[in-house]
Amino acid sequence: MGLPRVKITITSSRCRGGYFKKGQEFIVEDLCPPLCHELWNTIYPLIYALQNGAYLDYGNVRAKRFDAKCPDECRVSVHGKVIEKY
């Protein structure tokens, strides 16, 4: 079986380029989804860790999920989580 899939959901957006809208979802399998490189470079280490079995700090617990913001003045917020069943 391949790598676990990670679902990325845009939770808020004031994207300067207009690329992202709140509620958009992307599935990460073995290739990068169509995300801008600034956002991808921010979340890729988290996705890589999740796809390789990591549990990340998520509030007061460790979980297979994360929240992150775009480095461009935090204009885009995302929530990522491992999809256990598909």
PDB file of N, CA and C in Angstrom:
ATOM      1  N   MET A   1       0.839  -1.180   0.000  1.00  0.00           N
ATOM      2  CA  MET A   1       0.000   0.000   0.000  1.00  0.00           C
ATOM      3  C   MET A   1       0.883   1.241   0.000  1.00  0.00           C
ATOM      4  N   GLY A   2       0.430   2.312  -0.635  1.00  0.00           N
ATOM      5  CA  GLY A   2       1.216   3.538  -0.739  1.00  0.00           C
ATOM      6  C   GLY A   2       1.166   4.378   0.520  1.00  0.00           C
ATOM      7  N   LEU A   3       1.613   5.588   0.382  1.00  0.00           N
ATOM      8  CA  LEU A   3       1.621   6.523   1.512  1.00  0.00           C
ATOM      9  C   LEU A   3       0.194   6.886   1.919  1.00  0.00           C
ATOM     10  N   PRO A   4      -0.022   7.151   3.219  1.00  0.00           N
ATOM     11  CA  PRO A   4      -1.339   7.631   3.645  1.00  0.00           C
ATOM     12  C   PRO A   4      -1.658   8.952   2.942  1.00  0.00           C
ATOM     13  N   ARG A   5      -2.921   9.149   2.670  1.00  0.00           N
ATOM     14  CA  ARG A   5      -3.343  10.403   2.050  1.00  0.00           C
ATOM     15  C   ARG A   5      -3.601  11.448   3.134  1.00  0.00           C
ATOM     16  N   VAL A   6      -3.305  12.695   2.809  1.00  0.00           N
ATOM     17  CA  VAL A   6      -3.531  13.812   3.728  1.00  0.00           C
ATOM     18  C   VAL A   6      -4.477  14.789   3.030  1.00  0.00           C
ATOM     19  N   LYS A   7      -5.571  15.109   3.709  1.00  0.00           N
ATOM     20  CA  LYS A   7      -6.523  16.081   3.167  1.00  0.00           C
ATOM     21  C   LYS A   7      -6.188  17.461   3.724  1.00  0.00           C
ATOM     22  N   ILE A   8      -6.055  18.441   2.827  1.00  0.00           N
ATOM     23  CA  ILE A   8      -5.788  19.825   3.172  1.00  0.00           C
ATOM     24  C   ILE A   8      -7.070  20.618   2.913  1.00  0.00           C
ATOM     25  N   THR A   9      -7.556  21.311   3.923  1.00  0.00           N
ATOM     26  CA  THR A   9      -8.752  22.140   3.782  1.00  0.00           C
ATOM     27  C   THR A   9      -8.382  23.593   4.052  1.00  0.00           C
ATOM     28  N   ILE A  10      -8.786  24.486   3.160  1.00  0.00           N
ATOM     29  CA  ILE A  10      -8.571  25.919   3.356  1.00  0.00           C
ATOM     30  C   ILE A  10      -9.612  26.396   4.367  1.00  0.00           C
ATOM     31  N   THR A  11      -9.161  26.857   5.530  1.00  0.00           N
ATOM     32  CA  THR A  11     -10.099  27.262   6.579  1.00  0.00           C
ATOM     33  C   THR A  11     -10.381  28.763   6.578  1.00  0.00           C
ATOM     34  N   SER A  12      -9.488  29.547   6.007  1.00  0.00           N
ATOM     35  CA  SER A  12      -9.741  30.976   5.787  1.00  0.00           C
ATOM     36  C   SER A  12      -8.799  31.447   4.686  1.00  0.00           C
ATOM     37  N   SER A  13      -9.246  32.463   3.951  1.00  0.00           N
ATOM     38  CA  SER A  13      -8.405  32.932   2.851  1.00  0.00           C
ATOM     39  C   SER A  13      -8.628  34.413   2.546  1.00  0.00           C
ATOM     40  N   ARG A  14      -7.517  35.100   2.484  1.00  0.00           N
ATOM     41  CA  ARG A  14      -7.429  36.457   1.950  1.00  0.00           C
ATOM     42  C   ARG A  14      -6.268  36.431   0.952  1.00  0.00           C
ATOM     43  N   CYS A  15      -6.197  35.370   0.168  1.00  0.00           N
ATOM     44  CA  CYS A  15      -5.074  35.120  -0.739  1.00  0.00           C
ATOM     45  C   CYS A  15      -4.876  36.291  -1.691  1.00  0.00           C
ATOM     46  N   ARG A  16      -3.680  36.828  -1.662  1.00  0.00           N
ATOM     47  CA  ARG A  16      -3.342  37.977  -2.504  1.00  0.00           C
ATOM     48  C   ARG A  16      -3.509  37.657  -3.991  1.00  0.00           C
ATOM     49  N   GLY A  17      -3.187  36.412  -4.379  1.00  0.00           N
ATOM     50  CA  GLY A  17      -3.303  36.011  -5.778  1.00  0.00           C
ATOM     51  C   GLY A  17      -4.669  35.465  -6.154  1.00  0.00           C
ATOM     52  N   GLY A  18      -5.557  35.301  -5.172  1.00  0.00           N
ATOM     53  CA  GLY A  18      -6.895  34.792  -5.459  1.00  0.00           C
ATOM     54  C   GLY A  18      -6.940  33.294  -5.741  1.00  0.00           C
ATOM     55  N   TYR A  19      -5.877  32.578  -5.360  1.00  0.00           N
ATOM     56  CA  TYR A  19      -5.802  31.150  -5.655  1.00  0.00           C
ATOM     57  C   TYR A  19      -6.703  30.293  -4.768  1.00  0.00           C
ATOM     58  N   PHE A  20      -6.890  30.705  -3.531  1.00  0.00           N
ATOM     59  CA  PHE A  20      -7.573  29.845  -2.571  1.00  0.00           C
ATOM     60  C   PHE A  20      -8.843  30.482  -2.045  1.00  0.00           C
ATOM     61  N   LYS A  21      -9.854  29.652  -1.862  1.00  0.00           N
ATOM     62  CA  LYS A  21     -11.134  30.060  -1.301  1.00  0.00           C
ATOM     63  C   LYS A  21     -11.428  29.196  -0.086  1.00  0.00           C
ATOM     64  N   LYS A  22     -12.037  29.764   0.922  1.00  0.00           N
ATOM     65  CA  LYS A  22     -12.419  29.016   2.114  1.00  0.00           C
ATOM     66  C   LYS A  22     -13.251  27.796   1.713  1.00  0.00           C
ATOM     67  N   GLY A  23     -12.911  26.651   2.289  1.00  0.00           N
ATOM     68  CA  GLY A  23     -13.642  25.416   2.013  1.00  0.00           C
ATOM     69  C   GLY A  23     -13.021  24.538   0.930  1.00  0.00           C
ATOM     70  N   GLN A  24     -12.098  25.082   0.147  1.00  0.00           N
ATOM     71  CA  GLN A  24     -11.426  24.248  -0.862  1.00  0.00           C
ATOM     72  C   GLN A  24     -10.701  23.105  -0.182  1.00  0.00           C
ATOM     73  N   GLU A  25     -10.663  21.951  -0.841  1.00  0.00           N
ATOM     74  CA  GLU A  25      -9.956  20.794  -0.298  1.00  0.00           C
ATOM     75  C   GLU A  25      -9.010  20.236  -1.349  1.00  0.00           C
ATOM     76  N   PHE A  26      -7.883  19.743  -0.875  1.00  0.00           N
ATOM     77  CA  PHE A  26      -6.875  19.121  -1.723  1.00  0.00           C
ATOM     78  C   PHE A  26      -6.454  17.825  -1.053  1.00  0.00           C
ATOM     79  N   ILE A  27      -6.208  16.796  -1.847  1.00  0.00           N
ATOM     80  CA  ILE A  27      -5.732  15.521  -1.328  1.00  0.00           C
ATOM     81  C   ILE A  27      -4.272  15.354  -1.744  1.00  0.00           C
ATOM     82  N   VAL A  28      -3.414  15.098  -0.762  1.00  0.00           N
ATOM     83  CA  VAL A  28      -1.999  14.867  -1.029  1.00  0.00           C
ATOM     84  C   VAL A  28      -1.768  13.363  -0.992  1.00  0.00           C
ATOM     85  N   GLU A  29      -1.283  12.842  -2.097  1.00  0.00           N
ATOM     86  CA  GLU A  29      -0.906  11.427  -2.151  1.00  0.00           C
ATOM     87  C   GLU A  29       0.607  11.386  -2.295  1.00  0.00           C
ATOM     88  N   ASP A  30       1.106  10.991  -3.451  1.00  0.00           N
ATOM     89  CA  ASP A  30       2.557  10.940  -3.631  1.00  0.00           C
ATOM     90  C   ASP A  30       3.103  12.158  -4.370  1.00  0.00           C
ATOM     91  N   LEU A  31       2.226  13.026  -4.887  1.00  0.00           N
ATOM     92  CA  LEU A  31       2.666  14.236  -5.576  1.00  0.00           C
ATOM     93  C   LEU A  31       2.035  15.468  -4.948  1.00  0.00           C
ATOM     94  N   CYS A  32       2.677  16.602  -5.131  1.00  0.00           N
ATOM     95  CA  CYS A  32       2.175  17.872  -4.620  1.00  0.00           C
ATOM     96  C   CYS A  32       0.871  18.251  -5.323  1.00  0.00           C
ATOM     97  N   PRO A  33      -0.156  18.658  -4.570  1.00  0.00           N
ATOM     98  CA  PRO A  33      -1.377  19.162  -5.197  1.00  0.00           C
ATOM     99  C   PRO A  33      -1.131  20.565  -5.744  1.00  0.00           C
ATOM    100  N   PRO A  34      -2.092  21.145  -6.443  1.00  0.00           N
ATOM    101  CA  PRO A  34      -1.880  22.480  -7.031  1.00  0.00           C
ATOM    102  C   PRO A  34      -1.953  23.594  -5.984  1.00  0.00           C
ATOM    103  N   LEU A  35      -0.892  23.726  -5.214  1.00  0.00           N
ATOM    104  CA  LEU A  35      -0.780  24.781  -4.207  1.00  0.00           C
ATOM    105  C   LEU A  35       0.371  25.701  -4.594  1.00  0.00           C
ATOM    106  N   CYS A  36       0.297  26.960  -4.177  1.00  0.00           N
ATOM    107  CA  CYS A  36       1.411  27.869  -4.446  1.00  0.00           C
ATOM    108  C   CYS A  36       2.633  27.396  -3.656  1.00  0.00           C
ATOM    109  N   HIS A  37       3.814  27.737  -4.133  1.00  0.00           N
ATOM    110  CA  HIS A  37       5.020  27.199  -3.504  1.00  0.00           C
ATOM    111  C   HIS A  37       5.258  27.743  -2.103  1.00  0.00           C
ATOM    112  N   GLU A  38       4.803  28.955  -1.803  1.00  0.00           N
ATOM    113  CA  GLU A  38       4.981  29.481  -0.448  1.00  0.00           C
ATOM    114  C   GLU A  38       4.210  28.640   0.566  1.00  0.00           C
ATOM    115  N   LEU A  39       2.955  28.341   0.256  1.00  0.00           N
ATOM    116  CA  LEU A  39       2.147  27.534   1.164  1.00  0.00           C
ATOM    117  C   LEU A  39       2.667  26.101   1.220  1.00  0.00           C
ATOM    118  N   TRP A  40       2.992  25.533   0.068  1.00  0.00           N
ATOM    119  CA  TRP A  40       3.498  24.151   0.031  1.00  0.00           C
ATOM    120  C   TRP A  40       4.782  24.018   0.849  1.00  0.00           C
ATOM    121  N   ASN A  41       5.710  24.967   0.714  1.00  0.00           N
ATOM    122  CA  ASN A  41       6.963  24.891   1.467  1.00  0.00           C
ATOM    123  C   ASN A  41       6.726  24.959   2.976  1.00  0.00           C
ATOM    124  N   THR A  42       5.670  25.617   3.394  1.00  0.00           N
ATOM    125  CA  THR A  42       5.342  25.713   4.813  1.00  0.00           C
ATOM    126  C   THR A  42       4.765  24.404   5.345  1.00  0.00           C
ATOM    127  N   ILE A  43       3.870  23.778   4.582  1.00  0.00           N
ATOM    128  CA  ILE A  43       3.165  22.602   5.103  1.00  0.00           C
ATOM    129  C   ILE A  43       3.810  21.266   4.726  1.00  0.00           C
ATOM    130  N   TYR A  44       4.711  21.265   3.746  1.00  0.00           N
ATOM    131  CA  TYR A  44       5.296  19.992   3.313  1.00  0.00           C
ATOM    132  C   TYR A  44       5.969  19.199   4.442  1.00  0.00           C
ATOM    133  N   PRO A  45       6.768  19.812   5.324  1.00  0.00           N
ATOM    134  CA  PRO A  45       7.382  19.007   6.394  1.00  0.00           C
ATOM    135  C   PRO A  45       6.339  18.317   7.284  1.00  0.00           C
ATOM    136  N   LEU A  46       5.212  18.979   7.507  1.00  0.00           N
ATOM    137  CA  LEU A  46       4.146  18.384   8.315  1.00  0.00           C
ATOM    138  C   LEU A  46       3.499  17.216   7.579  1.00  0.00           C
ATOM    139  N   ILE A  47       3.247  17.403   6.295  1.00  0.00           N
ATOM    140  CA  ILE A  47       2.652  16.339   5.481  1.00  0.00           C
ATOM    141  C   ILE A  47       3.589  15.140   5.405  1.00  0.00           C
ATOM    142  N   TYR A  48       4.866  15.400   5.168  1.00  0.00           N
ATOM    143  CA  TYR A  48       5.860  14.325   5.083  1.00  0.00           C
ATOM    144  C   TYR A  48       5.883  13.518   6.382  1.00  0.00           C
ATOM    145  N   ALA A  49       5.866  14.230   7.507  1.00  0.00           N
ATOM    146  CA  ALA A  49       5.876  13.546   8.802  1.00  0.00           C
ATOM    147  C   ALA A  49       4.630  12.676   8.962  1.00  0.00           C
ATOM    148  N   LEU A  50       3.464  13.225   8.637  1.00  0.00           N
ATOM    149  CA  LEU A  50       2.223  12.454   8.763  1.00  0.00           C
ATOM    150  C   LEU A  50       2.224  11.229   7.850  1.00  0.00           C
ATOM    151  N   GLN A  51       2.709  11.390   6.630  1.00  0.00           N
ATOM    152  CA  GLN A  51       2.729  10.263   5.701  1.00  0.00           C
ATOM    153  C   GLN A  51       3.699   9.170   6.137  1.00  0.00           C
ATOM    154  N   ASN A  52       4.581   9.508   7.065  1.00  0.00           N
ATOM    155  CA  ASN A  52       5.544   8.533   7.563  1.00  0.00           C
ATOM    156  C   ASN A  52       5.256   8.117   8.999  1.00  0.00           C
ATOM    157  N   GLY A  53       3.996   8.272   9.407  1.00  0.00           N
ATOM    158  CA  GLY A  53       3.537   7.727  10.673  1.00  0.00           C
ATOM    159  C   GLY A  53       3.605   8.622  11.890  1.00  0.00           C
ATOM    160  N   ALA A  54       3.972   9.879  11.726  1.00  0.00           N
ATOM    161  CA  ALA A  54       4.117  10.767  12.887  1.00  0.00           C
ATOM    162  C   ALA A  54       2.772  11.203  13.452  1.00  0.00           C
ATOM    163  N   TYR A  55       2.799  11.501  14.739  1.00  0.00           N
ATOM    164  CA  TYR A  55       1.720  12.203  15.425  1.00  0.00           C
ATOM    165  C   TYR A  55       2.292  13.559  15.785  1.00  0.00           C
ATOM    166  N   LEU A  56       1.575  14.632  15.468  1.00  0.00           N
ATOM    167  CA  LEU A  56       2.078  15.988  15.684  1.00  0.00           C
ATOM    168  C   LEU A  56       1.423  16.618  16.906  1.00  0.00           C
ATOM    169  N   ASP A  57       2.093  17.603  17.504  1.00  0.00           N
ATOM    170  CA  ASP A  57       1.484  18.363  18.598  1.00  0.00           C
ATOM    171  C   ASP A  57       0.269  19.094  18.044  1.00  0.00           C
ATOM    172  N   TYR A  58      -0.872  18.900  18.689  1.00  0.00           N
ATOM    173  CA  TYR A  58      -2.113  19.546  18.256  1.00  0.00           C
ATOM    174  C   TYR A  58      -2.865  19.961  19.512  1.00  0.00           C
ATOM    175  N   GLY A  59      -2.590  21.178  19.964  1.00  0.00           N
ATOM    176  CA  GLY A  59      -3.150  21.628  21.236  1.00  0.00           C
ATOM    177  C   GLY A  59      -2.506  20.849  22.372  1.00  0.00           C
ATOM    178  N   ASN A  60      -3.320  20.222  23.190  1.00  0.00           N
ATOM    179  CA  ASN A  60      -2.818  19.457  24.329  1.00  0.00           C
ATOM    180  C   ASN A  60      -2.648  17.977  24.029  1.00  0.00           C
ATOM    181  N   VAL A  61      -2.798  17.573  22.777  1.00  0.00           N
ATOM    182  CA  VAL A  61      -2.696  16.160  22.403  1.00  0.00           C
ATOM    183  C   VAL A  61      -1.736  15.998  21.233  1.00  0.00           C
ATOM    184  N   ARG A  62      -1.442  14.749  20.917  1.00  0.00           N
ATOM    185  CA  ARG A  62      -0.677  14.426  19.705  1.00  0.00           C
ATOM    186  C   ARG A  62      -1.664  13.771  18.755  1.00  0.00           C
ATOM    187  N   ALA A  63      -1.675  14.220  17.500  1.00  0.00           N
ATOM    188  CA  ALA A  63      -2.685  13.753  16.552  1.00  0.00           C
ATOM    189  C   ALA A  63      -2.115  13.707  15.142  1.00  0.00           C
ATOM    190  N   LYS A  64      -2.851  13.057  14.263  1.00  0.00           N
ATOM    191  CA  LYS A  64      -2.471  12.983  12.846  1.00  0.00           C
ATOM    192  C   LYS A  64      -3.143  14.129  12.100  1.00  0.00           C
ATOM    193  N   ARG A  65      -2.863  15.350  12.575  1.00  0.00           N
ATOM    194  CA  ARG A  65      -3.452  16.543  11.975  1.00  0.00           C
ATOM    195  C   ARG A  65      -2.614  17.765  12.326  1.00  0.00           C
ATOM    196  N   PHE A  66      -2.867  18.857  11.618  1.00  0.00           N
ATOM    197  CA  PHE A  66      -2.161  20.111  11.892  1.00  0.00           C
ATOM    198  C   PHE A  66      -2.975  21.288  11.384  1.00  0.00           C
ATOM    199  N   ASP A  67      -2.654  22.461  11.882  1.00  0.00           N
ATOM    200  CA  ASP A  67      -3.156  23.730  11.374  1.00  0.00           C
ATOM    201  C   ASP A  67      -1.935  24.573  11.038  1.00  0.00           C
ATOM    202  N   ALA A  68      -2.010  25.300   9.936  1.00  0.00           N
ATOM    203  CA  ALA A  68      -0.871  26.120   9.522  1.00  0.00           C
ATOM    204  C   ALA A  68      -1.376  27.353   8.778  1.00  0.00           C
ATOM    205  N   LYS A  69      -0.485  28.335   8.646  1.00  0.00           N
ATOM    206  CA  LYS A  69      -0.807  29.572   7.944  1.00  0.00           C
ATOM    207  C   LYS A  69       0.248  29.873   6.892  1.00  0.00           C
ATOM    208  N   CYS A  70      -0.187  30.507   5.838  1.00  0.00           N
ATOM    209  CA  CYS A  70       0.701  30.939   4.763  1.00  0.00           C
ATOM    210  C   CYS A  70       1.704  31.954   5.305  1.00  0.00           C
ATOM    211  N   PRO A  71       2.947  31.911   4.835  1.00  0.00           N
ATOM    212  CA  PRO A  71       3.932  32.883   5.305  1.00  0.00           C
ATOM    213  C   PRO A  71       3.701  34.296   4.777  1.00  0.00           C
ATOM    214  N   ASP A  72       2.777  34.464   3.833  1.00  0.00           N
ATOM    215  CA  ASP A  72       2.464  35.793   3.296  1.00  0.00           C
ATOM    216  C   ASP A  72       1.448  36.473   4.221  1.00  0.00           C
ATOM    217  N   GLU A  73       1.938  36.982   5.341  1.00  0.00           N
ATOM    218  CA  GLU A  73       1.126  37.691   6.326  1.00  0.00           C
ATOM    219  C   GLU A  73      -0.051  36.844   6.830  1.00  0.00           C
ATOM    220  N   CYS A  74       0.113  35.532   6.837  1.00  0.00           N
ATOM    221  CA  CYS A  74      -0.911  34.604   7.347  1.00  0.00           C
ATOM    222  C   CYS A  74      -2.253  34.777   6.635  1.00  0.00           C
ATOM    223  N   ARG A  75      -2.196  35.085   5.355  1.00  0.00           N
ATOM    224  CA  ARG A  75      -3.413  35.354   4.587  1.00  0.00           C
ATOM    225  C   ARG A  75      -4.254  34.104   4.334  1.00  0.00           C
ATOM    226  N   VAL A  76      -3.628  32.930   4.347  1.00  0.00           N
ATOM    227  CA  VAL A  76      -4.353  31.678   4.114  1.00  0.00           C
ATOM    228  C   VAL A  76      -4.081  30.744   5.284  1.00  0.00           C
ATOM    229  N   SER A  77      -5.150  30.161   5.833  1.00  0.00           N
ATOM    230  CA  SER A  77      -5.030  29.176   6.911  1.00  0.00           C
ATOM    231  C   SER A  77      -5.518  27.836   6.390  1.00  0.00           C
ATOM    232  N   VAL A  78      -4.823  26.782   6.795  1.00  0.00           N
ATOM    233  CA  VAL A  78      -5.199  25.441   6.347  1.00  0.00           C
ATOM    234  C   VAL A  78      -5.276  24.484   7.532  1.00  0.00           C
ATOM    235  N   HIS A  79      -6.054  23.442   7.343  1.00  0.00           N
ATOM    236  CA  HIS A  79      -6.124  22.327   8.292  1.00  0.00           C
ATOM    237  C   HIS A  79      -5.788  21.079   7.499  1.00  0.00           C
ATOM    238  N   GLY A  80      -4.849  20.297   8.005  1.00  0.00           N
ATOM    239  CA  GLY A  80      -4.471  19.060   7.350  1.00  0.00           C
ATOM    240  C   GLY A  80      -4.718  17.882   8.269  1.00  0.00           C
ATOM    241  N   LYS A  81      -5.142  16.763   7.697  1.00  0.00           N
ATOM    242  CA  LYS A  81      -5.329  15.554   8.500  1.00  0.00           C
ATOM    243  C   LYS A  81      -5.180  14.335   7.625  1.00  0.00           C
ATOM    244  N   VAL A  82      -4.711  13.259   8.248  1.00  0.00           N
ATOM    245  CA  VAL A  82      -4.579  11.985   7.556  1.00  0.00           C
ATOM    246  C   VAL A  82      -5.976  11.429   7.317  1.00  0.00           C
ATOM    247  N   ILE A  83      -6.197  10.931   6.119  1.00  0.00           N
ATOM    248  CA  ILE A  83      -7.458  10.267   5.794  1.00  0.00           C
ATOM    249  C   ILE A  83      -7.231   8.787   6.019  1.00  0.00           C
ATOM    250  N   GLU A  84      -7.823   8.253   7.077  1.00  0.00           N
ATOM    251  CA  GLU A  84      -7.619   6.850   7.439  1.00  0.00           C
ATOM    252  C   GLU A  84      -8.301   5.906   6.448  1.00  0.00           C
ATOM    253  N   LYS A  85      -9.526   6.234   6.073  1.00  0.00           N
ATOM    254  CA  LYS A  85     -10.285   5.370   5.152  1.00  0.00           C
ATOM    255  C   LYS A  85     -10.738   6.194   3.956  1.00  0.00           C
ATOM    256  N   TYR A  86     -10.624   5.588   2.773  1.00  0.00           N
ATOM    257  CA  TYR A  86     -11.055   6.289   1.563  1.00  0.00           C
ATOM    258  C   TYR A  86     -11.616   5.318   0.579  1.00  0.00           C
TER     259      TYR A  86
END
